Amino acid sequence: MGYKVACVGATGNVGREMLNILNERAFPADEVVALASRRSQGVEVSYGDRTLKVKALENYDFSDVDICLMSAGGAVSKEWSPRIAAAGAVVIDNSSAWRYDSDVPLIVPEVNADAVSGFTKRGIIANPNCSTAQLVVALKPLHDAATIKRVVVSTYQSVSGAGKDAMDELFSQTKAVYTNSEIENKKFPKRIAFNVIPHIDVFMEDGYTKEEWKMMAETKKILDPKISLVATCVRVPVFIGHSESVNVEFEKPISVDEARNILRNAPGCLVIDKHEPGGYVTPYECAGEDATYISRIREDATVENGLAFWCVSDNLRKGAALNAIQIAECLINRKLIKAKQKAA
């Protein structure tokens, strides 16, 4: 017997990607339901070769739902995730609403799959921030080999991480540049076309942004609380795919060749690292792909036991939708949930 899966936020970038990936991976679902707010009721979304009509979240009965993939923002998740969990579904939430709750596991399956069993406390599992997800996939095997002390990361994050309106703004501003039209800033505080903006999420009292704080807090929760991490998060005029420049300081010696071999054999990682023009991966190549691509692996001679590398990943997939579905697969493969008996 298959599972009944509800996708909340089905009309958004990540929600649509979730439906695509459920179909691509032949997820064992007998029924998939697309949900969103009332204003999206009746909108059609694709699920493989089928079309689903979106239903209103406010009126939906979750009593026979097994898994709810939630991608409707933090406020909606705070209100609805506990209700859905109380109805007996496991909620896998893509927002930041539950990531820092000690009773909610924060999961990247390649990194800390064993922690998924903690879902029973709240009935909720949190998906990490998109920039964190790809980072910890690359860091985990290196940490196991040589123990990470400190990470310095600069991100180059695509506009899709800020939603469909942000993608539309990059498109319209780029078009305006070429047609010599007026450029409007609505989603971003400054022009994004042909520019970079060192500001993602709100500013905090210490001068860091919330996005930068998230990377630090989530890496500690997922990987190891002893790791020190500092981040600078930058929005760039790319539609899909986040890039990161990463410097890592280890407790034990680790050579470039050792690191390269470790990463080549690590789950979720794909190493493309040739010391020649084009011998690395850019966001353009990673769009639509599942892996975290790692390039430019080299020694960081400014610290003892230091390495530097470049990594890119599709933020809508590994950074959000794919990771959520991998968590659901993990629950099933570990026999942590069973499909409910459905009424005939």
C-alpha atoms as a PDB file:
ATOM      1  CA  MET A   1       0.000   0.000   0.000  1.00  0.00           C
ATOM      2  CA  GLY A   2       1.332   3.420  -0.973  1.00  0.00           C
ATOM      3  CA  TYR A   3       1.374   6.674   0.945  1.00  0.00           C
ATOM      4  CA  LYS A   4      -0.823   9.737   0.736  1.00  0.00           C
ATOM      5  CA  VAL A   5       1.304  12.868   0.365  1.00  0.00           C
ATOM      6  CA  ALA A   6       0.123  16.458   0.730  1.00  0.00           C
ATOM      7  CA  CYS A   7       2.214  19.281  -0.729  1.00  0.00           C
ATOM      8  CA  VAL A   8       1.441  22.628   0.943  1.00  0.00           C
ATOM      9  CA  GLY A   9       2.593  25.655  -1.045  1.00  0.00           C
ATOM     10  CA  ALA A  10       2.242  23.731  -4.291  1.00  0.00           C
ATOM     11  CA  THR A  11       2.074  26.847  -6.491  1.00  0.00           C
ATOM     12  CA  GLY A  12       5.459  28.230  -5.348  1.00  0.00           C
ATOM     13  CA  ASN A  13       8.893  27.520  -6.840  1.00  0.00           C
ATOM     14  CA  VAL A  14       9.766  24.873  -4.260  1.00  0.00           C
ATOM     15  CA  GLY A  15       6.278  23.344  -4.163  1.00  0.00           C
ATOM     16  CA  ARG A  16       6.284  22.792  -7.920  1.00  0.00           C
ATOM     17  CA  GLU A  17       9.778  21.311  -7.686  1.00  0.00           C
ATOM     18  CA  MET A  18       8.594  18.948  -4.941  1.00  0.00           C
ATOM     19  CA  LEU A  19       5.860  17.627  -7.222  1.00  0.00           C
ATOM     20  CA  ASN A  20       8.375  17.174 -10.062  1.00  0.00           C
ATOM     21  CA  ILE A  21      10.804  15.268  -7.839  1.00  0.00           C
ATOM     22  CA  LEU A  22       8.111  13.034  -6.313  1.00  0.00           C
ATOM     23  CA  ASN A  23       7.319  11.928  -9.854  1.00  0.00           C
ATOM     24  CA  GLU A  24      10.964  11.689 -11.005  1.00  0.00           C
ATOM     25  CA  ARG A  25      11.948   9.474  -8.098  1.00  0.00           C
ATOM     26  CA  ALA A  26       8.818   7.297  -8.365  1.00  0.00           C
ATOM     27  CA  PHE A  27       7.989   8.049  -4.737  1.00  0.00           C
ATOM     28  CA  PRO A  28       5.637   5.339  -3.385  1.00  0.00           C
ATOM     29  CA  ALA A  29       2.552   7.557  -3.242  1.00  0.00           C
ATOM     30  CA  ASP A  30      -0.921   6.289  -4.042  1.00  0.00           C
ATOM     31  CA  GLU A  31      -2.238   9.836  -3.881  1.00  0.00           C
ATOM     32  CA  VAL A  32      -0.646  13.284  -4.030  1.00  0.00           C
ATOM     33  CA  VAL A  33      -2.636  16.368  -3.056  1.00  0.00           C
ATOM     34  CA  ALA A  34      -1.638  19.932  -3.994  1.00  0.00           C
ATOM     35  CA  LEU A  35      -2.567  22.555  -1.396  1.00  0.00           C
ATOM     36  CA  ALA A  36      -2.140  26.314  -1.122  1.00  0.00           C
ATOM     37  CA  SER A  37      -3.995  29.354   0.182  1.00  0.00           C
ATOM     38  CA  ARG A  38      -7.604  30.065  -0.827  1.00  0.00           C
ATOM     39  CA  ARG A  39      -6.559  32.524  -3.496  1.00  0.00           C
ATOM     40  CA  SER A  40      -4.768  29.708  -5.363  1.00  0.00           C
ATOM     41  CA  GLN A  41      -7.691  27.280  -5.141  1.00  0.00           C
ATOM     42  CA  GLY A  42      -8.375  25.743  -8.551  1.00  0.00           C
ATOM     43  CA  VAL A  43      -4.961  26.629 -10.004  1.00  0.00           C
ATOM     44  CA  GLU A  44      -3.501  23.677 -11.934  1.00  0.00           C
ATOM     45  CA  VAL A  45      -0.023  22.292 -11.222  1.00  0.00           C
ATOM     46  CA  SER A  46       1.871  19.458 -12.899  1.00  0.00           C
ATOM     47  CA  TYR A  47       2.643  16.127 -11.290  1.00  0.00           C
ATOM     48  CA  GLY A  48       4.392  14.014 -13.910  1.00  0.00           C
ATOM     49  CA  ASP A  49       2.002  13.645 -16.838  1.00  0.00           C
ATOM     50  CA  ARG A  50      -0.949  14.449 -14.590  1.00  0.00           C
ATOM     51  CA  THR A  51      -2.456  17.779 -13.636  1.00  0.00           C
ATOM     52  CA  LEU A  52      -3.521  18.462 -10.065  1.00  0.00           C
ATOM     53  CA  LYS A  53      -6.051  21.113  -9.081  1.00  0.00           C
ATOM     54  CA  VAL A  54      -4.908  23.021  -6.040  1.00  0.00           C
ATOM     55  CA  LYS A  55      -7.138  22.739  -2.981  1.00  0.00           C
ATOM     56  CA  ALA A  56      -7.383  25.226  -0.116  1.00  0.00           C
ATOM     57  CA  LEU A  57      -5.250  24.447   2.915  1.00  0.00           C
ATOM     58  CA  GLU A  58      -7.786  26.070   5.258  1.00  0.00           C
ATOM     59  CA  ASN A  59     -10.510  23.507   4.477  1.00  0.00           C
ATOM     60  CA  TYR A  60      -8.442  20.368   4.080  1.00  0.00           C
ATOM     61  CA  ASP A  61      -8.864  17.264   6.254  1.00  0.00           C
ATOM     62  CA  PHE A  62      -5.431  15.731   6.966  1.00  0.00           C
ATOM     63  CA  SER A  63      -6.721  12.689   8.848  1.00  0.00           C
ATOM     64  CA  ASP A  64      -5.726  10.232   6.099  1.00  0.00           C
ATOM     65  CA  VAL A  65      -2.491  12.006   5.028  1.00  0.00           C
ATOM     66  CA  ASP A  66       0.772  10.183   5.793  1.00  0.00           C
ATOM     67  CA  ILE A  67       3.372  12.799   4.828  1.00  0.00           C
ATOM     68  CA  CYS A  68       2.963  16.549   4.435  1.00  0.00           C
ATOM     69  CA  LEU A  69       5.641  18.443   2.515  1.00  0.00           C
ATOM     70  CA  MET A  70       5.327  22.015   3.760  1.00  0.00           C
ATOM     71  CA  SER A  71       6.704  24.908   1.712  1.00  0.00           C
ATOM     72  CA  ALA A  72       4.448  27.852   2.441  1.00  0.00           C
ATOM     73  CA  GLY A  73       6.630  30.076   4.617  1.00  0.00           C
ATOM     74  CA  GLY A  74       7.318  30.331   8.335  1.00  0.00           C
ATOM     75  CA  ALA A  75       4.060  31.958   9.451  1.00  0.00           C
ATOM     76  CA  VAL A  76       1.900  29.329   7.733  1.00  0.00           C
ATOM     77  CA  SER A  77       4.083  26.541   9.070  1.00  0.00           C
ATOM     78  CA  LYS A  78       3.940  27.844  12.651  1.00  0.00           C
ATOM     79  CA  GLU A  79       0.147  27.801  12.496  1.00  0.00           C
ATOM     80  CA  TRP A  80      -0.478  24.651  10.485  1.00  0.00           C
ATOM     81  CA  SER A  81       2.373  22.191  11.061  1.00  0.00           C
ATOM     82  CA  PRO A  82       1.307  21.318  14.639  1.00  0.00           C
ATOM     83  CA  ARG A  83      -2.298  20.882  13.488  1.00  0.00           C
ATOM     84  CA  ILE A  84      -1.295  18.616  10.618  1.00  0.00           C
ATOM     85  CA  ALA A  85       1.015  16.607  12.865  1.00  0.00           C
ATOM     86  CA  ALA A  86      -1.804  16.244  15.411  1.00  0.00           C
ATOM     87  CA  ALA A  87      -3.924  14.698  12.633  1.00  0.00           C
ATOM     88  CA  GLY A  88      -1.273  11.972  12.311  1.00  0.00           C
ATOM     89  CA  ALA A  89       0.808  13.127   9.328  1.00  0.00           C
ATOM     90  CA  VAL A  90       4.566  13.634   9.493  1.00  0.00           C
ATOM     91  CA  VAL A  91       5.330  17.215   8.474  1.00  0.00           C
ATOM     92  CA  ILE A  92       8.574  17.937   6.607  1.00  0.00           C
ATOM     93  CA  ASP A  93       8.892  21.710   6.691  1.00  0.00           C
ATOM     94  CA  ASN A  94      11.029  23.812   4.389  1.00  0.00           C
ATOM     95  CA  SER A  95      10.746  27.104   6.305  1.00  0.00           C
ATOM     96  CA  SER A  96      12.903  28.337   9.185  1.00  0.00           C
ATOM     97  CA  ALA A  97       9.972  28.025  11.641  1.00  0.00           C
ATOM     98  CA  TRP A  98      11.121  24.817  13.354  1.00  0.00           C
ATOM     99  CA  ARG A  99      14.838  24.517  12.550  1.00  0.00           C
ATOM    100  CA  TYR A 100      16.053  25.743  15.925  1.00  0.00           C
ATOM    101  CA  ASP A 101      13.505  23.882  18.079  1.00  0.00           C
ATOM    102  CA  SER A 102      15.393  21.272  20.133  1.00  0.00           C
ATOM    103  CA  ASP A 103      12.458  18.853  19.760  1.00  0.00           C
ATOM    104  CA  VAL A 104      12.489  19.045  15.948  1.00  0.00           C
ATOM    105  CA  PRO A 105      15.239  17.219  14.019  1.00  0.00           C
ATOM    106  CA  LEU A 106      17.025  19.263  11.346  1.00  0.00           C
ATOM    107  CA  ILE A 107      17.974  16.765   8.673  1.00  0.00           C
ATOM    108  CA  VAL A 108      20.226  16.400   5.654  1.00  0.00           C
ATOM    109  CA  PRO A 109      20.042  12.647   4.938  1.00  0.00           C
ATOM    110  CA  GLU A 110      23.645  12.324   3.694  1.00  0.00           C
ATOM    111  CA  VAL A 111      24.852  13.933   6.935  1.00  0.00           C
ATOM    112  CA  ASN A 112      22.666  13.060   9.944  1.00  0.00           C
ATOM    113  CA  ALA A 113      20.011  10.563   8.831  1.00  0.00           C
ATOM    114  CA  ASP A 114      20.080   8.834  12.230  1.00  0.00           C
ATOM    115  CA  ALA A 115      18.569  11.935  13.844  1.00  0.00           C
ATOM    116  CA  VAL A 116      15.382  11.552  11.785  1.00  0.00           C
ATOM    117  CA  SER A 117      13.887   9.233  14.414  1.00  0.00           C
ATOM    118  CA  GLY A 118      13.456  12.279  16.663  1.00  0.00           C
ATOM    119  CA  PHE A 119      10.396  13.321  14.630  1.00  0.00           C
ATOM    120  CA  THR A 120       8.142  11.502  17.095  1.00  0.00           C
ATOM    121  CA  LYS A 121       8.417  14.351  19.641  1.00  0.00           C
ATOM    122  CA  ARG A 122       6.541  16.895  17.509  1.00  0.00           C
ATOM    123  CA  GLY A 123       5.630  15.037  14.342  1.00  0.00           C
ATOM    124  CA  ILE A 124       7.717  17.631  12.471  1.00  0.00           C
ATOM    125  CA  ILE A 125      11.069  17.437  10.666  1.00  0.00           C
ATOM    126  CA  ALA A 126      12.850  20.591   9.518  1.00  0.00           C
ATOM    127  CA  ASN A 127      14.650  21.122   6.225  1.00  0.00           C
ATOM    128  CA  PRO A 128      17.726  23.368   6.565  1.00  0.00           C
ATOM    129  CA  ASN A 129      18.393  26.616   4.772  1.00  0.00           C
ATOM    130  CA  CYS A 130      19.354  26.064   1.128  1.00  0.00           C
ATOM    131  CA  SER A 131      22.876  27.438   1.589  1.00  0.00           C
ATOM    132  CA  THR A 132      23.448  25.219   4.643  1.00  0.00           C
ATOM    133  CA  ALA A 133      22.241  22.017   2.958  1.00  0.00           C
ATOM    134  CA  GLN A 134      24.871  21.957   0.223  1.00  0.00           C
ATOM    135  CA  LEU A 135      27.605  23.115   2.592  1.00  0.00           C
ATOM    136  CA  VAL A 136      27.141  20.328   5.146  1.00  0.00           C
ATOM    137  CA  VAL A 137      26.970  17.673   2.403  1.00  0.00           C
ATOM    138  CA  ALA A 138      30.503  18.728   1.430  1.00  0.00           C
ATOM    139  CA  LEU A 139      31.762  19.227   4.994  1.00  0.00           C
ATOM    140  CA  LYS A 140      30.500  15.976   6.554  1.00  0.00           C
ATOM    141  CA  PRO A 141      32.964  13.510   4.952  1.00  0.00           C
ATOM    142  CA  LEU A 142      35.869  15.909   5.562  1.00  0.00           C
ATOM    143  CA  HIS A 143      34.826  16.354   9.196  1.00  0.00           C
ATOM    144  CA  ASP A 144      34.712  12.579   9.668  1.00  0.00           C
ATOM    145  CA  ALA A 145      38.260  12.316   8.284  1.00  0.00           C
ATOM    146  CA  ALA A 146      40.071  15.227   9.932  1.00  0.00           C
ATOM    147  CA  THR A 147      37.675  17.042  12.354  1.00  0.00           C
ATOM    148  CA  ILE A 148      36.724  20.589  11.348  1.00  0.00           C
ATOM    149  CA  LYS A 149      37.621  23.431  13.713  1.00  0.00           C
ATOM    150  CA  ARG A 150      36.566  26.487  11.722  1.00  0.00           C
ATOM    151  CA  VAL A 151      34.789  27.342   8.475  1.00  0.00           C
ATOM    152  CA  VAL A 152      34.785  30.651   6.580  1.00  0.00           C
ATOM    153  CA  VAL A 153      32.189  30.700   3.803  1.00  0.00           C
ATOM    154  CA  SER A 154      31.082  33.314   1.282  1.00  0.00           C
ATOM    155  CA  THR A 155      27.905  32.500  -0.629  1.00  0.00           C
ATOM    156  CA  TYR A 156      26.792  33.595  -4.089  1.00  0.00           C
ATOM    157  CA  GLN A 157      23.064  32.886  -3.921  1.00  0.00           C
ATOM    158  CA  SER A 158      20.655  32.881  -6.842  1.00  0.00           C
ATOM    159  CA  VAL A 159      17.477  34.935  -6.848  1.00  0.00           C
ATOM    160  CA  SER A 160      15.229  31.844  -6.868  1.00  0.00           C
ATOM    161  CA  GLY A 161      16.084  31.511  -3.180  1.00  0.00           C
ATOM    162  CA  ALA A 162      13.919  34.601  -2.653  1.00  0.00           C
ATOM    163  CA  GLY A 163      10.960  33.221  -4.618  1.00  0.00           C
ATOM    164  CA  LYS A 164       9.216  33.709  -7.938  1.00  0.00           C
ATOM    165  CA  ASP A 165       8.861  37.492  -7.522  1.00  0.00           C
ATOM    166  CA  ALA A 166      12.640  37.750  -7.179  1.00  0.00           C
ATOM    167  CA  MET A 167      13.173  35.778 -10.389  1.00  0.00           C
ATOM    168  CA  ASP A 168      10.678  38.035 -12.148  1.00  0.00           C
ATOM    169  CA  GLU A 169      12.518  41.098 -10.860  1.00  0.00           C
ATOM    170  CA  LEU A 170      15.882  39.913 -12.220  1.00  0.00           C
ATOM    171  CA  PHE A 171      14.253  39.204 -15.580  1.00  0.00           C
ATOM    172  CA  SER A 172      12.431  42.545 -15.793  1.00  0.00           C
ATOM    173  CA  GLN A 173      15.456  44.559 -14.658  1.00  0.00           C
ATOM    174  CA  THR A 174      17.746  42.810 -17.141  1.00  0.00           C
ATOM    175  CA  LYS A 175      15.261  43.520 -19.909  1.00  0.00           C
ATOM    176  CA  ALA A 176      15.026  47.161 -18.774  1.00  0.00           C
ATOM    177  CA  VAL A 177      18.808  47.571 -19.003  1.00  0.00           C
ATOM    178  CA  TYR A 178      18.787  46.468 -22.650  1.00  0.00           C
ATOM    179  CA  THR A 179      15.745  48.560 -23.587  1.00  0.00           C
ATOM    180  CA  ASN A 180      16.945  51.611 -21.616  1.00  0.00           C
ATOM    181  CA  SER A 181      13.742  51.512 -19.539  1.00  0.00           C
ATOM    182  CA  GLU A 182      13.196  52.484 -15.915  1.00  0.00           C
ATOM    183  CA  ILE A 183      14.518  49.923 -13.414  1.00  0.00           C
ATOM    184  CA  GLU A 184      12.268  49.191 -10.440  1.00  0.00           C
ATOM    185  CA  ASN A 185      13.431  47.653  -7.144  1.00  0.00           C
ATOM    186  CA  LYS A 186      10.583  45.853  -5.396  1.00  0.00           C
ATOM    187  CA  LYS A 187      11.871  42.568  -4.006  1.00  0.00           C
ATOM    188  CA  PHE A 188      15.465  43.634  -3.400  1.00  0.00           C
ATOM    189  CA  PRO A 189      16.743  46.815  -1.669  1.00  0.00           C
ATOM    190  CA  LYS A 190      19.066  47.556  -4.594  1.00  0.00           C
ATOM    191  CA  ARG A 191      19.109  46.680  -8.264  1.00  0.00           C
ATOM    192  CA  ILE A 192      20.002  42.999  -8.794  1.00  0.00           C
ATOM    193  CA  ALA A 193      20.540  42.996 -12.576  1.00  0.00           C
ATOM    194  CA  PHE A 194      24.293  43.181 -13.346  1.00  0.00           C
ATOM    195  CA  ASN A 195      24.959  43.705  -9.652  1.00  0.00           C
ATOM    196  CA  VAL A 196      25.553  41.791  -6.398  1.00  0.00           C
ATOM    197  CA  ILE A 197      23.896  42.533  -3.055  1.00  0.00           C
ATOM    198  CA  PRO A 198      25.699  41.588   0.199  1.00  0.00           C
ATOM    199  CA  HIS A 199      22.433  41.314   2.108  1.00  0.00           C
ATOM    200  CA  ILE A 200      20.087  38.308   2.468  1.00  0.00           C
ATOM    201  CA  ASP A 201      17.315  38.316   5.095  1.00  0.00           C
ATOM    202  CA  VAL A 202      17.158  40.920   7.884  1.00  0.00           C
ATOM    203  CA  PHE A 203      20.092  42.574   9.664  1.00  0.00           C
ATOM    204  CA  MET A 204      20.768  41.578  13.259  1.00  0.00           C
ATOM    205  CA  GLU A 205      22.233  43.680  16.075  1.00  0.00           C
ATOM    206  CA  ASP A 206      25.771  42.353  15.569  1.00  0.00           C
ATOM    207  CA  GLY A 207      25.827  43.404  11.900  1.00  0.00           C
ATOM    208  CA  TYR A 208      25.352  39.915  10.484  1.00  0.00           C
ATOM    209  CA  THR A 209      22.247  39.072   8.498  1.00  0.00           C
ATOM    210  CA  LYS A 210      19.785  36.375   9.552  1.00  0.00           C
ATOM    211  CA  GLU A 211      20.898  34.250   6.582  1.00  0.00           C
ATOM    212  CA  GLU A 212      24.470  34.315   7.848  1.00  0.00           C
ATOM    213  CA  TRP A 213      23.332  33.436  11.366  1.00  0.00           C
ATOM    214  CA  LYS A 214      21.239  30.548  10.000  1.00  0.00           C
ATOM    215  CA  MET A 215      24.284  28.980   8.350  1.00  0.00           C
ATOM    216  CA  MET A 216      26.193  29.085  11.620  1.00  0.00           C
ATOM    217  CA  ALA A 217      23.381  27.782  13.832  1.00  0.00           C
ATOM    218  CA  GLU A 218      22.263  25.067  11.403  1.00  0.00           C
ATOM    219  CA  THR A 219      25.770  23.740  10.692  1.00  0.00           C
ATOM    220  CA  LYS A 220      26.293  23.354  14.433  1.00  0.00           C
ATOM    221  CA  LYS A 221      22.956  21.549  14.898  1.00  0.00           C
ATOM    222  CA  ILE A 222      23.334  19.236  11.892  1.00  0.00           C
ATOM    223  CA  LEU A 223      27.060  18.525  11.931  1.00  0.00           C
ATOM    224  CA  ASP A 224      28.817  19.423  15.197  1.00  0.00           C
ATOM    225  CA  PRO A 225      28.214  22.143  17.832  1.00  0.00           C
ATOM    226  CA  LYS A 226      31.985  22.556  18.273  1.00  0.00           C
ATOM    227  CA  ILE A 227      32.502  23.887  14.727  1.00  0.00           C
ATOM    228  CA  SER A 228      33.063  27.652  14.456  1.00  0.00           C
ATOM    229  CA  LEU A 229      31.622  29.184  11.287  1.00  0.00           C
ATOM    230  CA  VAL A 230      31.479  32.693   9.863  1.00  0.00           C
ATOM    231  CA  ALA A 231      29.504  33.491   6.713  1.00  0.00           C
ATOM    232  CA  THR A 232      29.015  36.349   4.278  1.00  0.00           C
ATOM    233  CA  CYS A 233      25.877  35.811   2.195  1.00  0.00           C
ATOM    234  CA  VAL A 234      25.530  37.585  -1.143  1.00  0.00           C
ATOM    235  CA  ARG A 235      22.690  37.654  -3.680  1.00  0.00           C
ATOM    236  CA  VAL A 236      23.884  37.446  -7.290  1.00  0.00           C
ATOM    237  CA  PRO A 237      22.100  37.869 -10.650  1.00  0.00           C
ATOM    238  CA  VAL A 238      21.710  34.121 -11.294  1.00  0.00           C
ATOM    239  CA  PHE A 239      18.278  32.498 -11.634  1.00  0.00           C
ATOM    240  CA  ILE A 240      18.979  29.043 -10.149  1.00  0.00           C
ATOM    241  CA  GLY A 241      21.935  27.580  -8.251  1.00  0.00           C
ATOM    242  CA  HIS A 242      23.817  28.686  -5.150  1.00  0.00           C
ATOM    243  CA  SER A 243      27.622  28.845  -5.112  1.00  0.00           C
ATOM    244  CA  GLU A 244      29.922  28.909  -2.097  1.00  0.00           C
ATOM    245  CA  SER A 245      33.595  29.694  -1.562  1.00  0.00           C
ATOM    246  CA  VAL A 246      34.664  27.704   1.500  1.00  0.00           C
ATOM    247  CA  ASN A 247      37.809  27.770   3.656  1.00  0.00           C
ATOM    248  CA  VAL A 248      38.131  25.028   6.275  1.00  0.00           C
ATOM    249  CA  GLU A 249      40.583  24.632   9.147  1.00  0.00           C
ATOM    250  CA  PHE A 250      40.999  21.085  10.497  1.00  0.00           C
ATOM    251  CA  GLU A 251      42.360  19.636  13.720  1.00  0.00           C
ATOM    252  CA  LYS A 252      44.268  16.905  11.839  1.00  0.00           C
ATOM    253  CA  PRO A 253      46.362  17.087   8.668  1.00  0.00           C
ATOM    254  CA  ILE A 254      44.514  16.387   5.423  1.00  0.00           C
ATOM    255  CA  SER A 255      46.047  16.728   1.965  1.00  0.00           C
ATOM    256  CA  VAL A 256      44.341  18.007  -1.153  1.00  0.00           C
ATOM    257  CA  ASP A 257      44.506  14.538  -2.736  1.00  0.00           C
ATOM    258  CA  GLU A 258      43.042  12.910   0.368  1.00  0.00           C
ATOM    259  CA  ALA A 259      40.197  15.423   0.454  1.00  0.00           C
ATOM    260  CA  ARG A 260      39.491  14.966  -3.239  1.00  0.00           C
ATOM    261  CA  ASN A 261      39.310  11.173  -2.892  1.00  0.00           C
ATOM    262  CA  ILE A 262      37.115  11.394   0.213  1.00  0.00           C
ATOM    263  CA  LEU A 263      34.674  13.737  -1.523  1.00  0.00           C
ATOM    264  CA  ARG A 264      34.598  11.602  -4.672  1.00  0.00           C
ATOM    265  CA  ASN A 265      33.317   8.688  -2.583  1.00  0.00           C
ATOM    266  CA  ALA A 266      30.921  10.707  -0.417  1.00  0.00           C
ATOM    267  CA  PRO A 267      27.117  10.490  -0.836  1.00  0.00           C
ATOM    268  CA  GLY A 268      25.587  13.489  -2.582  1.00  0.00           C
ATOM    269  CA  CYS A 269      28.956  14.874  -3.740  1.00  0.00           C
ATOM    270  CA  LEU A 270      30.303  15.067  -7.264  1.00  0.00           C
ATOM    271  CA  VAL A 271      33.885  16.296  -7.717  1.00  0.00           C
ATOM    272  CA  ILE A 272      34.800  18.098 -10.927  1.00  0.00           C
ATOM    273  CA  ASP A 273      38.215  19.565 -10.270  1.00  0.00           C
ATOM    274  CA  LYS A 274      40.531  20.027 -13.232  1.00  0.00           C
ATOM    275  CA  HIS A 275      43.200  22.723 -13.060  1.00  0.00           C
ATOM    276  CA  GLU A 276      42.312  24.183 -16.446  1.00  0.00           C
ATOM    277  CA  PRO A 277      39.863  26.715 -17.901  1.00  0.00           C
ATOM    278  CA  GLY A 278      36.352  25.316 -17.451  1.00  0.00           C
ATOM    279  CA  GLY A 279      37.526  22.508 -15.174  1.00  0.00           C
ATOM    280  CA  TYR A 280      35.006  23.442 -12.477  1.00  0.00           C
ATOM    281  CA  VAL A 281      31.225  23.640 -12.122  1.00  0.00           C
ATOM    282  CA  THR A 282      29.140  26.827 -12.205  1.00  0.00           C
ATOM    283  CA  PRO A 283      25.494  27.356 -11.198  1.00  0.00           C
ATOM    284  CA  TYR A 284      24.432  27.111 -14.833  1.00  0.00           C
ATOM    285  CA  GLU A 285      25.574  23.474 -15.050  1.00  0.00           C
ATOM    286  CA  CYS A 286      24.114  22.446 -11.692  1.00  0.00           C
ATOM    287  CA  ALA A 287      20.556  23.661 -12.400  1.00  0.00           C
ATOM    288  CA  GLY A 288      18.225  20.669 -12.512  1.00  0.00           C
ATOM    289  CA  GLU A 289      20.826  18.351 -10.954  1.00  0.00           C
ATOM    290  CA  ASP A 290      20.727  16.644  -7.557  1.00  0.00           C
ATOM    291  CA  ALA A 291      24.391  16.622  -6.504  1.00  0.00           C
ATOM    292  CA  THR A 292      26.496  19.109  -4.605  1.00  0.00           C
ATOM    293  CA  TYR A 293      29.328  19.785  -7.063  1.00  0.00           C
ATOM    294  CA  ILE A 294      32.777  20.458  -5.622  1.00  0.00           C
ATOM    295  CA  SER A 295      35.645  22.102  -7.518  1.00  0.00           C
ATOM    296  CA  ARG A 296      38.826  24.133  -6.936  1.00  0.00           C
ATOM    297  CA  ILE A 297      40.028  21.971  -4.000  1.00  0.00           C
ATOM    298  CA  ARG A 298      43.352  23.417  -2.824  1.00  0.00           C
ATOM    299  CA  GLU A 299      45.502  24.004   0.219  1.00  0.00           C
ATOM    300  CA  ASP A 300      44.861  27.043   2.401  1.00  0.00           C
ATOM    301  CA  ALA A 301      48.391  27.781   3.567  1.00  0.00           C
ATOM    302  CA  THR A 302      47.296  30.680   5.814  1.00  0.00           C
ATOM    303  CA  VAL A 303      46.321  28.231   8.576  1.00  0.00           C
ATOM    304  CA  GLU A 304      47.626  24.894   9.787  1.00  0.00           C
ATOM    305  CA  ASN A 305      45.678  22.015   8.219  1.00  0.00           C
ATOM    306  CA  GLY A 306      43.678  24.267   5.907  1.00  0.00           C
ATOM    307  CA  LEU A 307      41.783  23.586   2.678  1.00  0.00           C
ATOM    308  CA  ALA A 308      39.749  25.774   0.328  1.00  0.00           C
ATOM    309  CA  PHE A 309      37.115  24.681  -2.193  1.00  0.00           C
ATOM    310  CA  TRP A 310      34.212  25.855  -4.339  1.00  0.00           C
ATOM    311  CA  CYS A 311      30.813  24.155  -4.281  1.00  0.00           C
ATOM    312  CA  VAL A 312      27.585  24.679  -6.211  1.00  0.00           C
ATOM    313  CA  SER A 313      24.132  23.126  -6.031  1.00  0.00           C
ATOM    314  CA  ASP A 314      20.604  23.658  -7.321  1.00  0.00           C
ATOM    315  CA  ASN A 315      19.017  25.485  -4.381  1.00  0.00           C
ATOM    316  CA  LEU A 316      15.480  24.512  -5.388  1.00  0.00           C
ATOM    317  CA  ARG A 317      16.443  20.839  -5.393  1.00  0.00           C
ATOM    318  CA  LYS A 318      19.110  19.847  -2.831  1.00  0.00           C
ATOM    319  CA  GLY A 319      18.585  23.140  -1.029  1.00  0.00           C
ATOM    320  CA  ALA A 320      14.862  22.544  -0.615  1.00  0.00           C
ATOM    321  CA  ALA A 321      12.576  20.142  -2.514  1.00  0.00           C
ATOM    322  CA  LEU A 322      14.913  17.197  -3.052  1.00  0.00           C
ATOM    323  CA  ASN A 323      16.168  17.233   0.537  1.00  0.00           C
ATOM    324  CA  ALA A 324      12.574  17.161   1.831  1.00  0.00           C
ATOM    325  CA  ILE A 325      11.721  14.151  -0.320  1.00  0.00           C
ATOM    326  CA  GLN A 326      14.945  12.385   0.663  1.00  0.00           C
ATOM    327  CA  ILE A 327      13.841  12.838   4.293  1.00  0.00           C
ATOM    328  CA  ALA A 328      10.470  11.247   3.444  1.00  0.00           C
ATOM    329  CA  GLU A 329      12.272   8.352   1.736  1.00  0.00           C
ATOM    330  CA  CYS A 330      14.453   7.977   4.808  1.00  0.00           C
ATOM    331  CA  LEU A 331      11.357   7.626   7.029  1.00  0.00           C
ATOM    332  CA  ILE A 332       9.986   4.923   4.748  1.00  0.00           C
ATOM    333  CA  ASN A 333      13.258   3.032   4.211  1.00  0.00           C
ATOM    334  CA  ARG A 334      13.907   2.929   7.963  1.00  0.00           C
ATOM    335  CA  LYS A 335      10.317   1.739   8.542  1.00  0.00           C
ATOM    336  CA  LEU A 336       9.656   4.678  10.853  1.00  0.00           C
ATOM    337  CA  ILE A 337       6.196   5.304   9.367  1.00  0.00           C
ATOM    338  CA  LYS A 338       3.481   3.133   7.893  1.00  0.00           C
ATOM    339  CA  ALA A 339       0.787   4.149   5.425  1.00  0.00           C
ATOM    340  CA  LYS A 340      -2.586   4.697   7.063  1.00  0.00           C
ATOM    341  CA  GLN A 341      -5.499   2.485   6.121  1.00  0.00           C
ATOM    342  CA  LYS A 342      -7.561   4.530   3.671  1.00  0.00           C
ATOM    343  CA  ALA A 343     -11.328   4.399   3.472  1.00  0.00           C
ATOM    344  CA  ALA A 344     -12.604   2.443   0.489  1.00  0.00           C
END
